């Protein structure tokens, strides 16, 4: 039983790792996803520090969760449309 659970966990971890790698190379922002400030910086072609400044000023909507900003894709798309 434990062996099956271990194998299932390994497969899920591997699948998530592949998804993260693919997401790094996809340049489309999905309005239904949530992105880190690093990912948003890549989409917006700016430094992460600039994204954090935009978040703090309210120009981009996001939440600070356990020290990391999480930004809805819709907020990134809205910022791109306005700028």
C-alpha atoms as a PDB file:
ATOM      1  CA  UNK A   1       0.000   0.000   0.000  1.00  0.00           C
ATOM      2  CA  UNK A   2       2.726   2.481   0.982  1.00  0.00           C
ATOM      3  CA  UNK A   3       4.661   1.542  -2.102  1.00  0.00           C
ATOM      4  CA  UNK A   4       1.719   2.522  -4.325  1.00  0.00           C
ATOM      5  CA  UNK A   5       1.299   5.848  -2.516  1.00  0.00           C
ATOM      6  CA  UNK A   6       4.999   6.589  -2.859  1.00  0.00           C
ATOM      7  CA  UNK A   7       4.924   5.871  -6.584  1.00  0.00           C
ATOM      8  CA  UNK A   8       1.802   8.021  -7.038  1.00  0.00           C
ATOM      9  CA  UNK A   9       3.448  10.899  -5.160  1.00  0.00           C
ATOM     10  CA  UNK A  10       6.558  10.608  -7.305  1.00  0.00           C
ATOM     11  CA  UNK A  11       4.515  10.674 -10.506  1.00  0.00           C
ATOM     12  CA  UNK A  12       2.545  13.725  -9.327  1.00  0.00           C
ATOM     13  CA  UNK A  13       5.738  15.561  -8.358  1.00  0.00           C
ATOM     14  CA  UNK A  14       7.274  14.786 -11.716  1.00  0.00           C
ATOM     15  CA  UNK A  15       4.149  16.008 -13.510  1.00  0.00           C
ATOM     16  CA  UNK A  16       4.144  19.280 -11.579  1.00  0.00           C
ATOM     17  CA  UNK A  17       7.837  19.811 -12.325  1.00  0.00           C
ATOM     18  CA  UNK A  18       7.196  19.369 -16.050  1.00  0.00           C
ATOM     19  CA  UNK A  19       4.268  21.811 -15.875  1.00  0.00           C
ATOM     20  CA  UNK A  20       6.484  24.429 -14.222  1.00  0.00           C
ATOM     21  CA  UNK A  21       9.154  24.007 -16.890  1.00  0.00           C
ATOM     22  CA  UNK A  22       6.598  24.364 -19.679  1.00  0.00           C
ATOM     23  CA  UNK A  23       5.090  27.440 -17.987  1.00  0.00           C
ATOM     24  CA  UNK A  24       8.525  29.089 -17.928  1.00  0.00           C
ATOM     25  CA  UNK A  25       8.692  28.974 -21.724  1.00  0.00           C
ATOM     26  CA  UNK A  26       5.102  29.902 -22.532  1.00  0.00           C
ATOM     27  CA  UNK A  27       4.748  33.631 -23.104  1.00  0.00           C
ATOM     28  CA  UNK A  28       0.962  33.825 -22.904  1.00  0.00           C
ATOM     29  CA  UNK A  29      -0.721  35.129 -19.781  1.00  0.00           C
ATOM     30  CA  UNK A  30      -3.754  33.093 -18.779  1.00  0.00           C
ATOM     31  CA  UNK A  31      -6.375  35.279 -17.094  1.00  0.00           C
ATOM     32  CA  UNK A  32      -7.527  32.343 -14.952  1.00  0.00           C
ATOM     33  CA  UNK A  33      -4.112  31.596 -13.446  1.00  0.00           C
ATOM     34  CA  UNK A  34      -2.195  33.149 -10.572  1.00  0.00           C
ATOM     35  CA  UNK A  35       1.442  34.100 -11.102  1.00  0.00           C
ATOM     36  CA  UNK A  36       4.406  34.923  -8.880  1.00  0.00           C
ATOM     37  CA  UNK A  37       6.062  38.316  -9.040  1.00  0.00           C
ATOM     38  CA  UNK A  38       8.979  36.689 -10.893  1.00  0.00           C
ATOM     39  CA  UNK A  39       6.666  35.331 -13.574  1.00  0.00           C
ATOM     40  CA  UNK A  40       4.826  38.665 -13.835  1.00  0.00           C
ATOM     41  CA  UNK A  41       8.146  40.457 -14.249  1.00  0.00           C
ATOM     42  CA  UNK A  42       8.995  38.179 -17.154  1.00  0.00           C
ATOM     43  CA  UNK A  43       5.628  38.836 -18.832  1.00  0.00           C
ATOM     44  CA  UNK A  44       5.933  42.588 -18.290  1.00  0.00           C
ATOM     45  CA  UNK A  45       9.600  42.676 -19.343  1.00  0.00           C
ATOM     46  CA  UNK A  46      10.772  44.409 -16.162  1.00  0.00           C
ATOM     47  CA  UNK A  47      12.606  43.632 -12.943  1.00  0.00           C
ATOM     48  CA  UNK A  48      10.816  41.948 -10.069  1.00  0.00           C
ATOM     49  CA  UNK A  49      11.494  45.033  -7.915  1.00  0.00           C
ATOM     50  CA  UNK A  50       9.514  47.154 -10.375  1.00  0.00           C
ATOM     51  CA  UNK A  51       6.617  44.690 -10.248  1.00  0.00           C
ATOM     52  CA  UNK A  52       6.659  44.905  -6.440  1.00  0.00           C
ATOM     53  CA  UNK A  53       6.557  48.729  -6.676  1.00  0.00           C
ATOM     54  CA  UNK A  54       3.548  48.487  -9.009  1.00  0.00           C
ATOM     55  CA  UNK A  55       1.848  46.104  -6.574  1.00  0.00           C
ATOM     56  CA  UNK A  56       2.467  48.376  -3.604  1.00  0.00           C
ATOM     57  CA  UNK A  57       1.210  51.420  -5.503  1.00  0.00           C
ATOM     58  CA  UNK A  58      -1.957  49.564  -6.526  1.00  0.00           C
ATOM     59  CA  UNK A  59      -1.323  49.720 -10.276  1.00  0.00           C
ATOM     60  CA  UNK A  60      -1.283  45.910 -10.343  1.00  0.00           C
ATOM     61  CA  UNK A  61      -3.544  43.884  -8.078  1.00  0.00           C
ATOM     62  CA  UNK A  62      -2.064  41.022  -6.111  1.00  0.00           C
ATOM     63  CA  UNK A  63      -1.791  39.492  -2.658  1.00  0.00           C
ATOM     64  CA  UNK A  64       1.138  39.065  -0.348  1.00  0.00           C
ATOM     65  CA  UNK A  65       1.022  35.494   0.971  1.00  0.00           C
ATOM     66  CA  UNK A  66       3.772  34.289   3.307  1.00  0.00           C
ATOM     67  CA  UNK A  67       6.244  36.790   1.891  1.00  0.00           C
ATOM     68  CA  UNK A  68       5.471  36.104  -1.794  1.00  0.00           C
ATOM     69  CA  UNK A  69       3.243  38.135  -4.079  1.00  0.00           C
ATOM     70  CA  UNK A  70       0.597  36.233  -6.040  1.00  0.00           C
ATOM     71  CA  UNK A  71      -0.818  38.103  -9.018  1.00  0.00           C
ATOM     72  CA  UNK A  72      -3.918  37.105 -10.987  1.00  0.00           C
ATOM     73  CA  UNK A  73      -3.353  36.779 -14.714  1.00  0.00           C
ATOM     74  CA  UNK A  74      -6.312  39.092 -15.277  1.00  0.00           C
ATOM     75  CA  UNK A  75      -4.472  41.830 -13.367  1.00  0.00           C
ATOM     76  CA  UNK A  76      -1.379  41.404 -15.549  1.00  0.00           C
ATOM     77  CA  UNK A  77      -3.491  41.580 -18.713  1.00  0.00           C
ATOM     78  CA  UNK A  78      -5.310  44.672 -17.400  1.00  0.00           C
ATOM     79  CA  UNK A  79      -2.001  46.419 -16.719  1.00  0.00           C
ATOM     80  CA  UNK A  80      -0.742  45.547 -20.214  1.00  0.00           C
ATOM     81  CA  UNK A  81      -3.910  46.970 -21.801  1.00  0.00           C
ATOM     82  CA  UNK A  82      -3.617  50.227 -19.843  1.00  0.00           C
ATOM     83  CA  UNK A  83       0.060  50.813 -20.560  1.00  0.00           C
END
